[in-house]
Amino acid sequence: MASAFFFDAEALSEPSVPALDACALCAKPLGRDSDIFMYRGDTPFCSEECRHEQMQLDAIHARQAARSAARRPQQYSARADPESSRHHESRKVSVAT
């Protein structure tokens, strides 16, 4: 017996937007009978070349982000200054019941 329950994840007011209509890099339309090259699970590409180019762009962006993170001063590092440790002391407080 088939289940009578059905879940539609699409909002009623929004038109249907198929996820595999076009290449994520060059926007070339993807045909139903053509090969689709996927990257990161849900990103479609029309060719191995487009997928590879996106992989290279992602690697470049990751390296740039790592470099910029390394250049930022360490704001939250532990300080050797004894004055800074006063703000982190624990105290017992009695609570009236």
N, C-alpha and C. Protein backbone atom coordinates (compact mmCIF):
# COMPACT_ATOMS: atom_id res chain seq x y z
N MET A 1 0.84 -1.17 0.00
CA MET A 1 0.00 0.00 0.00
C MET A 1 0.88 1.24 0.00
N ALA A 2 0.60 2.17 -0.86
CA ALA A 2 1.38 3.40 -0.97
C ALA A 2 1.05 4.34 0.18
N SER A 3 2.03 5.12 0.57
CA SER A 3 1.84 6.06 1.66
C SER A 3 0.97 7.24 1.20
N ALA A 4 0.10 7.69 2.05
CA ALA A 4 -0.78 8.82 1.73
C ALA A 4 -0.12 10.14 2.09
N PHE A 5 1.04 10.11 2.72
CA PHE A 5 1.72 11.33 3.12
C PHE A 5 2.68 11.78 2.03
N PHE A 6 2.72 13.10 1.84
CA PHE A 6 3.60 13.68 0.83
C PHE A 6 4.14 14.98 1.37
N PHE A 7 5.42 15.20 1.25
CA PHE A 7 6.05 16.43 1.71
C PHE A 7 6.63 17.17 0.53
N ASP A 8 6.20 18.40 0.34
CA ASP A 8 6.71 19.24 -0.74
C ASP A 8 7.59 20.31 -0.12
N ALA A 9 8.91 20.24 -0.36
CA ALA A 9 9.85 21.18 0.24
C ALA A 9 9.79 22.55 -0.44
N GLU A 10 9.20 22.64 -1.60
CA GLU A 10 9.12 23.90 -2.34
C GLU A 10 8.03 24.78 -1.76
N ALA A 11 8.35 26.06 -1.57
CA ALA A 11 7.34 26.99 -1.07
C ALA A 11 6.26 27.19 -2.13
N LEU A 12 5.04 27.40 -1.69
CA LEU A 12 3.93 27.53 -2.62
C LEU A 12 4.02 28.77 -3.50
N SER A 13 4.56 29.86 -2.97
CA SER A 13 4.60 31.11 -3.73
C SER A 13 5.79 31.20 -4.68
N GLU A 14 6.78 30.34 -4.54
CA GLU A 14 7.97 30.40 -5.38
C GLU A 14 7.87 29.44 -6.55
N PRO A 15 8.24 29.91 -7.75
CA PRO A 15 8.23 29.00 -8.90
C PRO A 15 9.34 27.96 -8.77
N SER A 16 9.15 26.85 -9.43
CA SER A 16 10.12 25.77 -9.39
C SER A 16 11.40 26.19 -10.12
N VAL A 17 12.54 26.01 -9.47
CA VAL A 17 13.83 26.33 -10.07
C VAL A 17 14.68 25.07 -10.03
N PRO A 18 14.74 24.33 -11.12
CA PRO A 18 15.55 23.10 -11.12
C PRO A 18 17.02 23.41 -10.87
N ALA A 19 17.65 22.61 -10.05
CA ALA A 19 19.03 22.85 -9.65
C ALA A 19 20.03 22.51 -10.74
N LEU A 20 19.68 21.70 -11.71
CA LEU A 20 20.64 21.25 -12.71
C LEU A 20 20.34 21.82 -14.10
N ASP A 21 19.91 23.05 -14.17
CA ASP A 21 19.58 23.66 -15.46
C ASP A 21 20.79 24.19 -16.22
N ALA A 22 21.81 24.70 -15.50
CA ALA A 22 22.93 25.35 -16.17
C ALA A 22 24.23 25.09 -15.42
N CYS A 23 25.32 25.21 -16.15
CA CYS A 23 26.66 25.07 -15.58
C CYS A 23 26.88 26.18 -14.56
N ALA A 24 27.40 25.84 -13.41
CA ALA A 24 27.63 26.81 -12.35
C ALA A 24 28.74 27.79 -12.69
N LEU A 25 29.60 27.47 -13.66
CA LEU A 25 30.70 28.36 -14.00
C LEU A 25 30.39 29.20 -15.24
N CYS A 26 30.03 28.55 -16.33
CA CYS A 26 29.85 29.28 -17.60
C CYS A 26 28.38 29.53 -17.94
N ALA A 27 27.47 28.99 -17.14
CA ALA A 27 26.02 29.16 -17.32
C ALA A 27 25.47 28.52 -18.60
N LYS A 28 26.24 27.62 -19.19
CA LYS A 28 25.75 26.90 -20.37
C LYS A 28 24.59 26.00 -19.95
N PRO A 29 23.49 26.02 -20.70
CA PRO A 29 22.36 25.15 -20.35
C PRO A 29 22.76 23.67 -20.37
N LEU A 30 22.27 22.94 -19.40
CA LEU A 30 22.54 21.51 -19.32
C LEU A 30 21.33 20.75 -19.84
N GLY A 31 21.56 19.93 -20.86
CA GLY A 31 20.48 19.14 -21.44
C GLY A 31 20.20 17.89 -20.63
N ARG A 32 19.02 17.37 -20.77
CA ARG A 32 18.64 16.16 -20.04
C ARG A 32 19.45 14.94 -20.48
N ASP A 33 19.89 14.94 -21.74
CA ASP A 33 20.64 13.79 -22.25
C ASP A 33 22.15 14.01 -22.23
N SER A 34 22.62 15.12 -21.65
CA SER A 34 24.05 15.39 -21.62
C SER A 34 24.64 14.99 -20.27
N ASP A 35 25.96 14.78 -20.26
CA ASP A 35 26.65 14.47 -19.02
C ASP A 35 26.69 15.70 -18.13
N ILE A 36 26.56 15.49 -16.83
CA ILE A 36 26.66 16.58 -15.87
C ILE A 36 27.77 16.20 -14.90
N PHE A 37 28.72 17.10 -14.72
CA PHE A 37 29.88 16.86 -13.86
C PHE A 37 29.65 17.61 -12.55
N MET A 38 29.56 16.87 -11.46
CA MET A 38 29.23 17.45 -10.17
C MET A 38 30.49 17.75 -9.35
N TYR A 39 30.37 18.77 -8.50
CA TYR A 39 31.45 19.17 -7.60
C TYR A 39 30.82 19.59 -6.28
N ARG A 40 31.39 19.17 -5.20
CA ARG A 40 30.91 19.47 -3.85
C ARG A 40 29.47 19.04 -3.64
N GLY A 41 29.11 17.95 -4.27
CA GLY A 41 27.82 17.35 -4.01
C GLY A 41 26.66 17.86 -4.81
N ASP A 42 26.51 19.18 -4.94
CA ASP A 42 25.31 19.69 -5.58
C ASP A 42 25.56 20.80 -6.60
N THR A 43 26.79 20.99 -7.04
CA THR A 43 27.11 22.04 -8.00
C THR A 43 27.38 21.41 -9.37
N PRO A 44 26.52 21.69 -10.36
CA PRO A 44 26.67 21.06 -11.68
C PRO A 44 27.58 21.86 -12.62
N PHE A 45 28.29 21.12 -13.46
CA PHE A 45 29.15 21.72 -14.49
C PHE A 45 28.93 21.00 -15.80
N CYS A 46 29.12 21.72 -16.91
CA CYS A 46 28.86 21.15 -18.23
C CYS A 46 30.01 20.27 -18.71
N SER A 47 31.21 20.46 -18.15
CA SER A 47 32.37 19.71 -18.61
C SER A 47 33.36 19.52 -17.47
N GLU A 48 34.30 18.61 -17.70
CA GLU A 48 35.36 18.42 -16.72
C GLU A 48 36.22 19.68 -16.62
N GLU A 49 36.37 20.40 -17.72
CA GLU A 49 37.19 21.62 -17.73
C GLU A 49 36.58 22.69 -16.83
N CYS A 50 35.26 22.90 -16.93
CA CYS A 50 34.60 23.89 -16.07
C CYS A 50 34.71 23.47 -14.60
N ARG A 51 34.49 22.19 -14.33
CA ARG A 51 34.59 21.72 -12.95
C ARG A 51 36.00 21.91 -12.42
N HIS A 52 37.01 21.58 -13.23
CA HIS A 52 38.41 21.73 -12.81
C HIS A 52 38.75 23.20 -12.57
N GLU A 53 38.26 24.09 -13.44
CA GLU A 53 38.51 25.52 -13.26
C GLU A 53 37.91 26.01 -11.94
N GLN A 54 36.71 25.56 -11.61
CA GLN A 54 36.09 25.94 -10.34
C GLN A 54 36.90 25.41 -9.16
N MET A 55 37.42 24.20 -9.28
CA MET A 55 38.25 23.63 -8.22
C MET A 55 39.51 24.48 -8.01
N GLN A 56 40.11 24.93 -9.11
CA GLN A 56 41.30 25.78 -9.01
C GLN A 56 40.96 27.12 -8.36
N LEU A 57 39.83 27.71 -8.75
CA LEU A 57 39.40 28.98 -8.15
C LEU A 57 39.16 28.82 -6.65
N ASP A 58 38.53 27.73 -6.26
CA ASP A 58 38.30 27.47 -4.84
C ASP A 58 39.61 27.31 -4.08
N ALA A 59 40.58 26.64 -4.68
CA ALA A 59 41.89 26.46 -4.04
C ALA A 59 42.60 27.81 -3.87
N ILE A 60 42.51 28.67 -4.88
CA ILE A 60 43.12 30.00 -4.80
C ILE A 60 42.47 30.80 -3.68
N HIS A 61 41.13 30.78 -3.62
CA HIS A 61 40.43 31.52 -2.57
C HIS A 61 40.77 30.99 -1.18
N ALA A 62 40.93 29.69 -1.06
CA ALA A 62 41.29 29.10 0.23
C ALA A 62 42.69 29.54 0.66
N ARG A 63 43.62 29.56 -0.29
CA ARG A 63 44.99 30.01 0.04
C ARG A 63 44.99 31.48 0.44
N GLN A 64 44.23 32.31 -0.27
CA GLN A 64 44.16 33.73 0.06
C GLN A 64 43.55 33.94 1.44
N ALA A 65 42.52 33.20 1.76
CA ALA A 65 41.89 33.31 3.07
C ALA A 65 42.86 32.89 4.18
N ALA A 66 43.63 31.84 3.93
CA ALA A 66 44.60 31.37 4.92
C ALA A 66 45.69 32.41 5.13
N ARG A 67 46.15 33.03 4.04
CA ARG A 67 47.18 34.07 4.16
C ARG A 67 46.66 35.28 4.93
N SER A 68 45.46 35.71 4.63
CA SER A 68 44.92 36.89 5.32
C SER A 68 44.66 36.57 6.79
N ALA A 69 44.27 35.35 7.11
CA ALA A 69 44.07 34.96 8.51
C ALA A 69 45.40 34.94 9.25
N ALA A 70 46.46 34.53 8.57
CA ALA A 70 47.78 34.47 9.20
C ALA A 70 48.34 35.87 9.44
N ARG A 71 47.93 36.83 8.63
CA ARG A 71 48.42 38.22 8.78
C ARG A 71 47.72 38.96 9.91
N ARG A 72 46.50 38.56 10.23
CA ARG A 72 45.75 39.23 11.30
C ARG A 72 46.45 39.01 12.63
N PRO A 73 46.49 40.06 13.46
CA PRO A 73 47.09 39.87 14.79
C PRO A 73 46.24 38.93 15.63
N GLN A 74 46.89 38.20 16.47
CA GLN A 74 46.20 37.26 17.35
C GLN A 74 45.57 38.05 18.50
N GLN A 75 44.28 38.34 18.39
CA GLN A 75 43.60 39.16 19.38
C GLN A 75 43.22 38.36 20.62
N TYR A 76 42.98 37.09 20.47
CA TYR A 76 42.48 36.28 21.57
C TYR A 76 43.51 35.31 22.13
N SER A 77 44.77 35.61 21.91
CA SER A 77 45.80 34.70 22.43
C SER A 77 45.97 34.93 23.93
N ALA A 78 46.47 33.92 24.61
CA ALA A 78 46.69 34.01 26.05
C ALA A 78 47.83 34.98 26.30
N ARG A 79 47.62 35.85 27.27
CA ARG A 79 48.64 36.85 27.59
C ARG A 79 49.43 36.41 28.82
N ALA A 80 50.68 36.84 28.88
CA ALA A 80 51.51 36.54 30.03
C ALA A 80 51.35 37.62 31.10
N ASP A 81 50.61 38.66 30.81
CA ASP A 81 50.40 39.78 31.71
C ASP A 81 49.54 39.34 32.89
N PRO A 82 50.05 39.47 34.14
CA PRO A 82 49.27 39.05 35.30
C PRO A 82 48.00 39.89 35.49
N GLU A 83 48.00 41.11 35.02
CA GLU A 83 46.82 41.97 35.14
C GLU A 83 45.63 41.38 34.37
N SER A 84 45.90 40.73 33.26
CA SER A 84 44.82 40.18 32.45
C SER A 84 44.16 38.98 33.11
N SER A 85 44.85 38.31 34.01
CA SER A 85 44.28 37.13 34.65
C SER A 85 43.26 37.49 35.72
N ARG A 86 43.26 38.73 36.21
CA ARG A 86 42.32 39.15 37.24
C ARG A 86 40.87 39.09 36.75
N HIS A 87 40.66 39.29 35.49
CA HIS A 87 39.32 39.31 34.94
C HIS A 87 38.71 37.92 34.82
N HIS A 88 39.51 36.90 35.04
CA HIS A 88 39.03 35.53 34.84
C HIS A 88 38.99 34.74 36.16
N GLU A 89 39.04 35.44 37.28
CA GLU A 89 39.03 34.76 38.57
C GLU A 89 37.63 34.22 38.87
N SER A 90 37.59 33.11 39.59
CA SER A 90 36.31 32.54 40.01
C SER A 90 36.07 32.96 41.45
N ARG A 91 34.82 33.22 41.77
CA ARG A 91 34.46 33.57 43.13
C ARG A 91 33.23 32.79 43.54
N LYS A 92 33.19 32.38 44.83
CA LYS A 92 31.99 31.71 45.35
C LYS A 92 31.02 32.80 45.78
N VAL A 93 29.78 32.59 45.44
CA VAL A 93 28.72 33.52 45.81
C VAL A 93 27.62 32.74 46.48
N SER A 94 27.21 33.22 47.64
CA SER A 94 26.11 32.52 48.32
C SER A 94 24.80 33.09 47.84
N VAL A 95 23.85 32.19 47.63
CA VAL A 95 22.55 32.59 47.13
C VAL A 95 21.52 32.30 48.19
N ALA A 96 20.74 33.32 48.52
CA ALA A 96 19.69 33.14 49.52
C ALA A 96 18.53 32.39 48.90
N THR A 97 18.00 31.41 49.64
CA THR A 97 16.88 30.64 49.12
C THR A 97 15.60 30.92 49.84
